[in-house]
């Protein structure tokens, strides 16, 4: 199903569902503190879109159809730097820009080019600098393909690359080479992937990823989920989507939510990287997903000069936990070509994790991990809290920096 068919599908199913139902408004009104301090992207929409009414703004069809893909189209919203203009032009053929209106509305003018939302969405010429340390296939997925769009990296897990389409092209994308090529993924490819996975009884956990699988129509998405749920040895189905952050309007489709509920529980892994991404629309999207029996987890990426500080991540994780989305992973930025300017040191991440340990409950603290280059798997990274050992005597450094002695049993 091509992009036009996706848009037509949205037009069919969202024409009467572009705004919150009265029941939803009443539910939010009963607990106004939940959303009072959280902005709506509609309320923050740029002056250029002030004529757009709320029903239109909250339409995924409209959001998809009005994605910004060129410097000229972006000019009414942002005073682009010369560097950004050059980068948008030079990345157009390899990993072109695409930003949803929802995400544009979250950009903060007062931060200029340093805005953490802007830096995730708008190219800079730093992407064009090659590095011997970086890879075009950082997760080593090509050698582990068992079908045109199926990857089998771990013994009990497999991934289906369902589509290259996204609501927004994140500049730190791990699969930027593959997504940028806009390779065609056909229904035949997806069927072959499902058949290969269902033929291997060792596979118990399947990730449906991309791109973003929520860029597919409800019918196409169900054609992937249904046979996987019918496969007796598959216990876990995961949807990997960033649309809860970048285009939460996708989850205002009650037919989508009803479809997902038929195959519950489905684990939905989303990606919020900064507290500026917290919106009323995202709260409602998470509410709908929870109502469908989905289990929500967040996979952040540690990004230099975007979220590599404890205060921003603490605020983000408090927001997510409050709304039923558990922080799952904090990834060290993958070694993908074009992302060197986003990479941080491991030590900086460890310092952030130590800070979070003392300020957040365990529910709100993700695993800090590195995905080793060339597909050698994830490794947990954690601050070393043991500072001294002497026989049974062990000295720990706690979250507050205090030295505490513990004696092991004899």
Protein backbone atom coordinates (compact mmCIF):
# COMPACT_ATOMS: atom_id res chain seq x y z
CA UNK A 1 0.00 0.00 0.00
CA UNK A 2 1.57 3.27 -1.10
CA UNK A 3 1.51 6.64 0.64
CA UNK A 4 -1.54 7.90 -1.27
CA UNK A 5 -3.51 4.83 -0.23
CA UNK A 6 -2.50 5.48 3.35
CA UNK A 7 -3.87 9.02 3.12
CA UNK A 8 -7.09 7.82 1.53
CA UNK A 9 -7.49 5.30 4.33
CA UNK A 10 -7.15 8.05 6.92
CA UNK A 11 -9.68 10.17 5.05
CA UNK A 12 -12.23 7.34 5.17
CA UNK A 13 -11.92 6.60 8.85
CA UNK A 14 -11.17 9.94 10.45
CA UNK A 15 -13.68 12.27 8.86
CA UNK A 16 -16.02 11.94 11.85
CA UNK A 17 -13.30 11.38 14.46
CA UNK A 18 -11.11 14.47 14.22
CA UNK A 19 -11.80 15.76 17.72
CA UNK A 20 -12.25 14.51 21.25
CA UNK A 21 -15.56 12.89 22.07
CA UNK A 22 -17.74 14.42 24.77
CA UNK A 23 -16.96 11.42 26.98
CA UNK A 24 -13.22 12.08 26.58
CA UNK A 25 -13.63 15.75 27.38
CA UNK A 26 -15.61 14.90 30.52
CA UNK A 27 -12.99 12.39 31.63
CA UNK A 28 -10.25 14.98 31.30
CA UNK A 29 -12.39 17.62 33.00
CA UNK A 30 -12.71 15.39 36.08
CA UNK A 31 -8.96 15.57 36.55
CA UNK A 32 -7.88 18.90 35.05
CA UNK A 33 -4.54 18.82 36.83
CA UNK A 34 -3.51 16.04 34.46
CA UNK A 35 -3.33 18.40 31.49
CA UNK A 36 -3.38 21.95 32.85
CA UNK A 37 0.37 22.40 32.67
CA UNK A 38 0.82 20.43 29.43
CA UNK A 39 0.51 22.34 26.15
CA UNK A 40 -1.61 21.32 23.20
CA UNK A 41 0.13 21.45 19.85
CA UNK A 42 -3.07 22.95 18.45
CA UNK A 43 -2.85 25.83 20.91
CA UNK A 44 0.84 26.27 20.06
CA UNK A 45 0.35 26.08 16.29
CA UNK A 46 2.28 28.73 14.32
CA UNK A 47 0.55 31.86 13.04
CA UNK A 48 0.71 30.43 9.52
CA UNK A 49 -1.83 27.78 10.61
CA UNK A 50 -4.05 29.96 12.80
CA UNK A 51 -6.88 29.54 10.28
CA UNK A 52 -6.82 25.74 10.76
CA UNK A 53 -9.59 24.62 13.10
CA UNK A 54 -9.08 22.01 15.80
CA UNK A 55 -10.91 19.22 13.98
CA UNK A 56 -8.62 19.63 10.97
CA UNK A 57 -5.46 19.95 13.08
CA UNK A 58 -6.25 16.73 14.95
CA UNK A 59 -6.70 14.79 11.69
CA UNK A 60 -3.85 12.37 10.89
CA UNK A 61 -4.69 12.80 7.22
CA UNK A 62 -4.08 16.54 7.49
CA UNK A 63 -0.95 16.03 9.59
CA UNK A 64 0.53 13.59 7.06
CA UNK A 65 -0.47 15.66 4.07
CA UNK A 66 1.09 18.82 5.52
CA UNK A 67 4.43 17.40 6.55
CA UNK A 68 7.21 19.89 5.83
CA UNK A 69 9.84 18.51 3.46
CA UNK A 70 11.77 21.51 2.11
CA UNK A 71 13.50 24.68 3.28
CA UNK A 72 11.02 26.76 1.29
CA UNK A 73 8.06 25.12 3.02
CA UNK A 74 9.70 25.55 6.43
CA UNK A 75 10.42 29.27 5.94
CA UNK A 76 7.04 30.54 7.24
CA UNK A 77 7.65 28.87 10.58
CA UNK A 78 11.35 29.22 11.36
CA UNK A 79 14.21 31.55 10.50
CA UNK A 80 16.53 28.87 9.17
CA UNK A 81 20.28 29.26 9.52
CA UNK A 82 22.46 29.10 6.37
CA UNK A 83 23.83 25.80 7.70
CA UNK A 84 20.33 24.32 7.98
CA UNK A 85 19.35 25.48 4.49
CA UNK A 86 22.48 23.88 3.02
CA UNK A 87 21.89 20.66 4.95
CA UNK A 88 18.23 20.38 3.91
CA UNK A 89 19.26 20.69 0.26
CA UNK A 90 22.21 18.28 0.48
CA UNK A 91 20.37 15.56 2.42
CA UNK A 92 17.33 15.62 0.13
CA UNK A 93 18.51 12.64 -1.91
CA UNK A 94 19.83 10.52 0.96
CA UNK A 95 17.74 11.17 4.08
CA UNK A 96 15.34 13.97 3.32
CA UNK A 97 13.64 16.06 5.96
CA UNK A 98 10.02 15.38 6.94
CA UNK A 99 8.36 17.04 9.94
CA UNK A 100 4.73 16.84 11.04
CA UNK A 101 2.90 20.10 11.82
CA UNK A 102 2.36 18.76 15.35
CA UNK A 103 6.11 18.55 15.92
CA UNK A 104 6.79 21.93 14.32
CA UNK A 105 4.35 23.48 16.80
CA UNK A 106 6.53 22.24 19.65
CA UNK A 107 9.63 24.15 18.53
CA UNK A 108 10.58 27.02 20.84
CA UNK A 109 11.60 30.23 19.07
CA UNK A 110 13.48 31.52 22.09
CA UNK A 111 16.02 28.68 21.76
CA UNK A 112 16.77 29.35 18.11
CA UNK A 113 18.74 26.61 16.36
CA UNK A 114 19.55 25.09 19.77
CA UNK A 115 15.91 24.12 20.39
CA UNK A 116 15.90 20.41 21.35
CA UNK A 117 12.84 19.77 19.19
CA UNK A 118 14.35 21.57 16.21
CA UNK A 119 17.66 19.71 16.49
CA UNK A 120 15.88 16.35 16.29
CA UNK A 121 13.98 17.33 13.16
CA UNK A 122 15.99 19.75 10.98
CA UNK A 123 19.23 18.63 9.29
CA UNK A 124 22.56 20.34 9.85
CA UNK A 125 25.73 19.96 7.82
CA UNK A 126 27.21 17.91 10.66
CA UNK A 127 25.22 15.00 9.19
CA UNK A 128 27.33 15.20 6.05
CA UNK A 129 30.63 14.55 7.80
CA UNK A 130 31.74 10.91 7.40
CA UNK A 131 33.40 9.10 10.28
CA UNK A 132 35.44 5.90 10.33
CA UNK A 133 33.80 5.09 13.67
CA UNK A 134 30.28 5.07 12.23
CA UNK A 135 28.39 2.51 10.15
CA UNK A 136 25.66 2.49 7.52
CA UNK A 137 24.15 -0.59 9.20
CA UNK A 138 25.06 -0.08 12.88
CA UNK A 139 22.88 -2.93 14.17
CA UNK A 140 24.22 -5.43 11.64
CA UNK A 141 20.71 -6.18 10.37
CA UNK A 142 21.47 -7.01 6.73
CA UNK A 143 23.49 -10.18 7.48
CA UNK A 144 20.77 -11.33 9.87
CA UNK A 145 17.86 -11.04 7.43
CA UNK A 146 15.75 -14.22 7.17
CA UNK A 147 13.35 -12.66 4.64
CA UNK A 148 13.30 -9.40 2.65
CA UNK A 149 12.01 -7.45 5.68
CA UNK A 150 12.63 -9.79 8.63
CA UNK A 151 15.68 -9.69 10.92
CA UNK A 152 16.60 -12.42 13.39
CA UNK A 153 19.28 -11.11 15.74
CA UNK A 154 18.51 -12.85 19.05
CA UNK A 155 17.52 -16.53 19.37
CA UNK A 156 13.97 -15.84 20.62
CA UNK A 157 13.29 -12.47 18.95
CA UNK A 158 12.71 -11.23 15.41
CA UNK A 159 11.94 -7.88 13.81
CA UNK A 160 9.72 -7.06 10.86
CA UNK A 161 10.73 -3.94 8.92
CA UNK A 162 7.17 -3.12 7.90
CA UNK A 163 7.61 0.18 6.03
CA UNK A 164 10.11 2.99 5.44
CA UNK A 165 7.40 5.63 6.02
CA UNK A 166 7.41 7.84 9.15
CA UNK A 167 5.47 10.82 10.43
CA UNK A 168 8.84 12.53 10.95
CA UNK A 169 12.37 11.70 9.93
CA UNK A 170 14.40 11.92 13.12
CA UNK A 171 17.90 13.17 12.36
CA UNK A 172 19.42 10.61 14.75
CA UNK A 173 17.66 7.69 13.03
CA UNK A 174 19.49 4.37 13.35
CA UNK A 175 18.08 3.11 10.04
CA UNK A 176 18.59 6.40 8.22
CA UNK A 177 20.30 4.69 5.27
CA UNK A 178 17.42 2.26 4.78
CA UNK A 179 14.63 4.69 5.58
CA UNK A 180 16.22 7.38 3.43
CA UNK A 181 16.34 5.10 0.41
CA UNK A 182 12.54 4.71 0.61
CA UNK A 183 12.90 1.12 -0.51
CA UNK A 184 9.61 -0.49 -1.39
CA UNK A 185 8.30 -2.94 1.21
CA UNK A 186 5.44 -4.88 -0.36
CA UNK A 187 2.71 -6.98 1.17
CA UNK A 188 4.47 -9.97 -0.39
CA UNK A 189 7.61 -9.03 1.55
CA UNK A 190 5.65 -8.73 4.78
CA UNK A 191 3.95 -12.07 4.21
CA UNK A 192 7.32 -13.74 3.59
CA UNK A 193 8.61 -12.25 6.84
CA UNK A 194 5.62 -13.55 8.79
CA UNK A 195 5.98 -17.01 7.22
CA UNK A 196 9.68 -17.17 8.10
CA UNK A 197 9.00 -16.14 11.69
CA UNK A 198 6.09 -18.52 12.16
CA UNK A 199 8.23 -21.37 10.80
CA UNK A 200 10.82 -20.95 13.57
CA UNK A 201 9.49 -22.19 16.91
CA UNK A 202 12.41 -20.59 18.75
CA UNK A 203 10.98 -17.13 18.04
CA UNK A 204 8.68 -16.01 20.84
CA UNK A 205 8.89 -12.20 20.62
CA UNK A 206 8.28 -10.17 17.44
CA UNK A 207 8.92 -6.44 16.96
CA UNK A 208 6.99 -4.69 14.20
CA UNK A 209 9.13 -1.71 13.27
CA UNK A 210 10.23 0.47 10.38
CA UNK A 211 10.18 3.39 9.59
CA UNK A 212 7.00 3.51 11.60
CA UNK A 213 4.42 0.72 11.26
CA UNK A 214 1.66 3.15 12.28
CA UNK A 215 2.19 4.83 8.90
CA UNK A 216 0.42 1.79 7.47
CA UNK A 217 -3.34 1.58 7.14
CA UNK A 218 -5.29 -0.22 9.86
CA UNK A 219 -5.96 -3.10 7.49
CA UNK A 220 -2.33 -3.54 6.52
CA UNK A 221 -1.23 -3.34 10.13
CA UNK A 222 -3.80 -5.94 11.12
CA UNK A 223 -2.60 -8.21 8.30
CA UNK A 224 0.74 -8.34 10.14
CA UNK A 225 -0.55 -8.60 13.70
CA UNK A 226 -3.30 -11.20 13.15
CA UNK A 227 -1.15 -14.07 11.81
CA UNK A 228 1.50 -13.40 14.44
CA UNK A 229 -1.11 -13.62 17.21
CA UNK A 230 -2.40 -16.85 15.67
CA UNK A 231 1.09 -18.38 15.72
CA UNK A 232 1.17 -20.61 18.85
CA UNK A 233 4.83 -20.09 19.76
CA UNK A 234 4.75 -16.27 19.63
CA UNK A 235 4.11 -14.89 23.10
CA UNK A 236 4.93 -11.20 22.64
CA UNK A 237 4.06 -8.73 19.88
CA UNK A 238 5.64 -5.29 19.99
CA UNK A 239 4.83 -2.20 17.95
CA UNK A 240 7.70 0.27 17.66
CA UNK A 241 6.33 3.72 16.89
CA UNK A 242 7.34 7.31 17.51
CA UNK A 243 3.96 8.68 16.52
CA UNK A 244 2.83 8.95 20.15
CA UNK A 245 5.27 11.87 20.22
CA UNK A 246 5.56 13.05 16.62
CA UNK A 247 1.95 12.61 15.45
CA UNK A 248 -0.28 11.42 18.32
CA UNK A 249 -3.37 12.19 16.24
CA UNK A 250 -2.88 8.76 14.66
CA UNK A 251 -4.24 7.24 17.86
CA UNK A 252 -7.43 9.30 17.82
CA UNK A 253 -8.71 6.71 15.31
CA UNK A 254 -11.14 4.60 17.31
CA UNK A 255 -11.11 1.88 14.65
CA UNK A 256 -7.35 1.54 15.11
CA UNK A 257 -7.76 1.32 18.89
CA UNK A 258 -10.55 -1.25 18.54
CA UNK A 259 -8.40 -3.33 16.20
CA UNK A 260 -5.44 -3.30 18.60
CA UNK A 261 -7.71 -4.32 21.46
CA UNK A 262 -8.63 -7.53 19.62
CA UNK A 263 -5.02 -8.69 19.84
CA UNK A 264 -4.21 -7.48 23.35
CA UNK A 265 -1.83 -7.36 25.00
CA UNK A 266 0.40 -5.59 22.53
CA UNK A 267 3.54 -3.90 23.80
CA UNK A 268 3.90 -0.42 22.30
CA UNK A 269 7.43 0.98 22.42
CA UNK A 270 7.48 4.67 21.67
CA UNK A 271 10.19 7.34 21.75
CA UNK A 272 10.07 10.60 23.67
CA UNK A 273 13.46 12.28 24.05
CA UNK A 274 12.70 15.63 25.67
CA UNK A 275 10.00 17.06 27.97
CA UNK A 276 9.08 19.61 25.27
CA UNK A 277 7.50 16.64 23.45
CA UNK A 278 4.89 16.30 26.22
CA UNK A 279 1.52 17.44 24.84
CA UNK A 280 -2.14 17.01 25.58
CA UNK A 281 -2.43 15.10 22.32
CA UNK A 282 0.21 12.62 23.49
CA UNK A 283 -1.59 12.17 26.81
CA UNK A 284 -4.80 11.33 24.95
CA UNK A 285 -2.95 8.97 22.58
CA UNK A 286 -1.46 7.08 25.54
CA UNK A 287 -4.88 6.94 27.20
CA UNK A 288 -6.41 5.37 24.08
CA UNK A 289 -3.60 2.84 23.76
CA UNK A 290 -3.97 1.82 27.40
CA UNK A 291 -7.72 1.42 26.86
CA UNK A 292 -6.89 -1.08 24.09
CA UNK A 293 -4.88 -3.20 26.53
CA UNK A 294 -1.55 -1.99 25.18
CA UNK A 295 1.44 -1.94 27.52
CA UNK A 296 3.46 1.22 26.97
CA UNK A 297 7.21 1.62 27.20
CA UNK A 298 9.51 4.44 26.15
CA UNK A 299 12.89 4.11 24.46
CA UNK A 300 14.80 7.39 24.64
CA UNK A 301 18.08 8.10 22.91
CA UNK A 302 20.75 10.06 24.77
CA UNK A 303 21.49 12.97 22.42
CA UNK A 304 24.22 15.56 22.84
CA UNK A 305 22.92 19.09 23.46
CA UNK A 306 19.34 17.81 23.35
CA UNK A 307 18.70 15.72 26.45
CA UNK A 308 22.13 14.92 27.89
CA UNK A 309 21.29 16.41 31.26
CA UNK A 310 19.60 14.91 34.28
CA UNK A 311 16.96 17.62 34.75
CA UNK A 312 15.39 17.17 31.32
CA UNK A 313 15.33 13.39 31.56
CA UNK A 314 13.94 13.51 35.09
CA UNK A 315 11.08 15.74 33.92
CA UNK A 316 10.45 13.53 30.89
CA UNK A 317 10.37 10.31 32.88
CA UNK A 318 8.03 11.80 35.47
CA UNK A 319 5.64 12.79 32.69
CA UNK A 320 5.74 9.38 31.03
CA UNK A 321 5.28 7.38 34.23
CA UNK A 322 2.40 9.61 35.30
CA UNK A 323 0.59 8.77 32.07
CA UNK A 324 1.17 5.03 32.07
CA UNK A 325 4.24 4.78 29.84
CA UNK A 326 7.17 3.22 31.65
CA UNK A 327 10.69 4.38 30.74
CA UNK A 328 12.23 1.20 29.31
CA UNK A 329 15.53 2.05 27.63
CA UNK A 330 17.86 5.02 27.47
CA UNK A 331 20.05 4.20 24.48
CA UNK A 332 23.53 5.52 23.91
CA UNK A 333 23.24 7.00 20.42
CA UNK A 334 23.84 4.28 17.84
CA UNK A 335 26.94 4.48 15.66
CA UNK A 336 25.00 5.39 12.50
CA UNK A 337 26.67 7.46 9.80
CA UNK A 338 25.60 11.08 10.03
CA UNK A 339 24.99 11.07 13.78
CA UNK A 340 28.42 11.78 15.25
CA UNK A 341 27.31 15.22 16.48
CA UNK A 342 24.57 13.56 18.57
CA UNK A 343 26.86 11.12 20.35
CA UNK A 344 27.73 11.48 24.03
CA UNK A 345 30.27 9.69 26.19
CA UNK A 346 29.32 6.70 28.28
CA UNK A 347 30.54 8.51 31.40
CA UNK A 348 28.13 11.38 30.84
CA UNK A 349 25.27 8.90 30.63
CA UNK A 350 26.41 7.11 33.78
CA UNK A 351 26.48 10.43 35.66
CA UNK A 352 22.90 11.11 34.57
CA UNK A 353 21.80 7.64 35.69
CA UNK A 354 23.39 8.16 39.10
CA UNK A 355 21.48 11.42 39.46
CA UNK A 356 18.18 9.79 38.46
CA UNK A 357 18.64 6.93 40.94
CA UNK A 358 18.25 9.26 43.86
CA UNK A 359 15.37 11.27 42.51
CA UNK A 360 13.03 8.85 40.76
CA UNK A 361 11.39 5.61 41.79
CA UNK A 362 12.49 2.43 40.07
CA UNK A 363 9.35 2.57 37.91
CA UNK A 364 10.65 5.73 36.27
CA UNK A 365 14.25 4.71 35.65
CA UNK A 366 15.14 3.09 32.32
CA UNK A 367 17.91 0.65 31.52
CA UNK A 368 20.87 2.61 30.18
CA UNK A 369 22.22 0.48 27.33
CA UNK A 370 24.61 0.46 24.43
CA UNK A 371 23.67 -1.46 21.30
CA UNK A 372 27.05 -2.83 20.29
CA UNK A 373 28.14 -2.15 16.68
CA UNK A 374 27.48 -4.71 13.95
CA UNK A 375 24.65 -6.40 15.81
CA UNK A 376 26.52 -7.84 18.79
CA UNK A 377 23.64 -7.02 21.11
CA UNK A 378 22.68 -4.75 23.96
CA UNK A 379 24.82 -4.31 27.06
CA UNK A 380 23.52 -2.69 30.25
CA UNK A 381 25.52 0.27 31.52
CA UNK A 382 25.29 1.24 35.19
CA UNK A 383 27.31 3.32 37.64
CA UNK A 384 29.71 1.23 39.71
CA UNK A 385 28.44 1.66 43.26
CA UNK A 386 31.10 -0.56 44.86
CA UNK A 387 34.10 1.58 45.76
CA UNK A 388 36.04 -0.79 48.04
CA UNK A 389 36.22 -4.53 48.84
CA UNK A 390 38.11 -6.21 51.66
CA UNK A 391 37.05 -9.78 52.26
CA UNK A 392 33.49 -9.69 53.58
CA UNK A 393 33.56 -5.92 53.86
CA UNK A 394 32.16 -3.95 50.93
CA UNK A 395 31.90 -0.18 50.76
CA UNK A 396 29.17 1.32 48.58
CA UNK A 397 28.75 4.81 47.21
CA UNK A 398 25.03 5.63 47.42
CA UNK A 399 23.04 8.05 45.26
CA UNK A 400 23.83 10.91 47.65
CA UNK A 401 27.59 10.32 47.56
CA UNK A 402 27.74 8.77 51.03
CA UNK A 403 30.07 5.81 51.74
CA UNK A 404 28.15 2.92 53.31
CA UNK A 405 29.73 -0.29 54.63
CA UNK A 406 28.09 -3.69 54.14
CA UNK A 407 29.27 -7.12 55.35
CA UNK A 408 28.58 -10.23 53.29
CA UNK A 409 27.52 -13.42 55.13
CA UNK A 410 30.24 -15.80 56.30
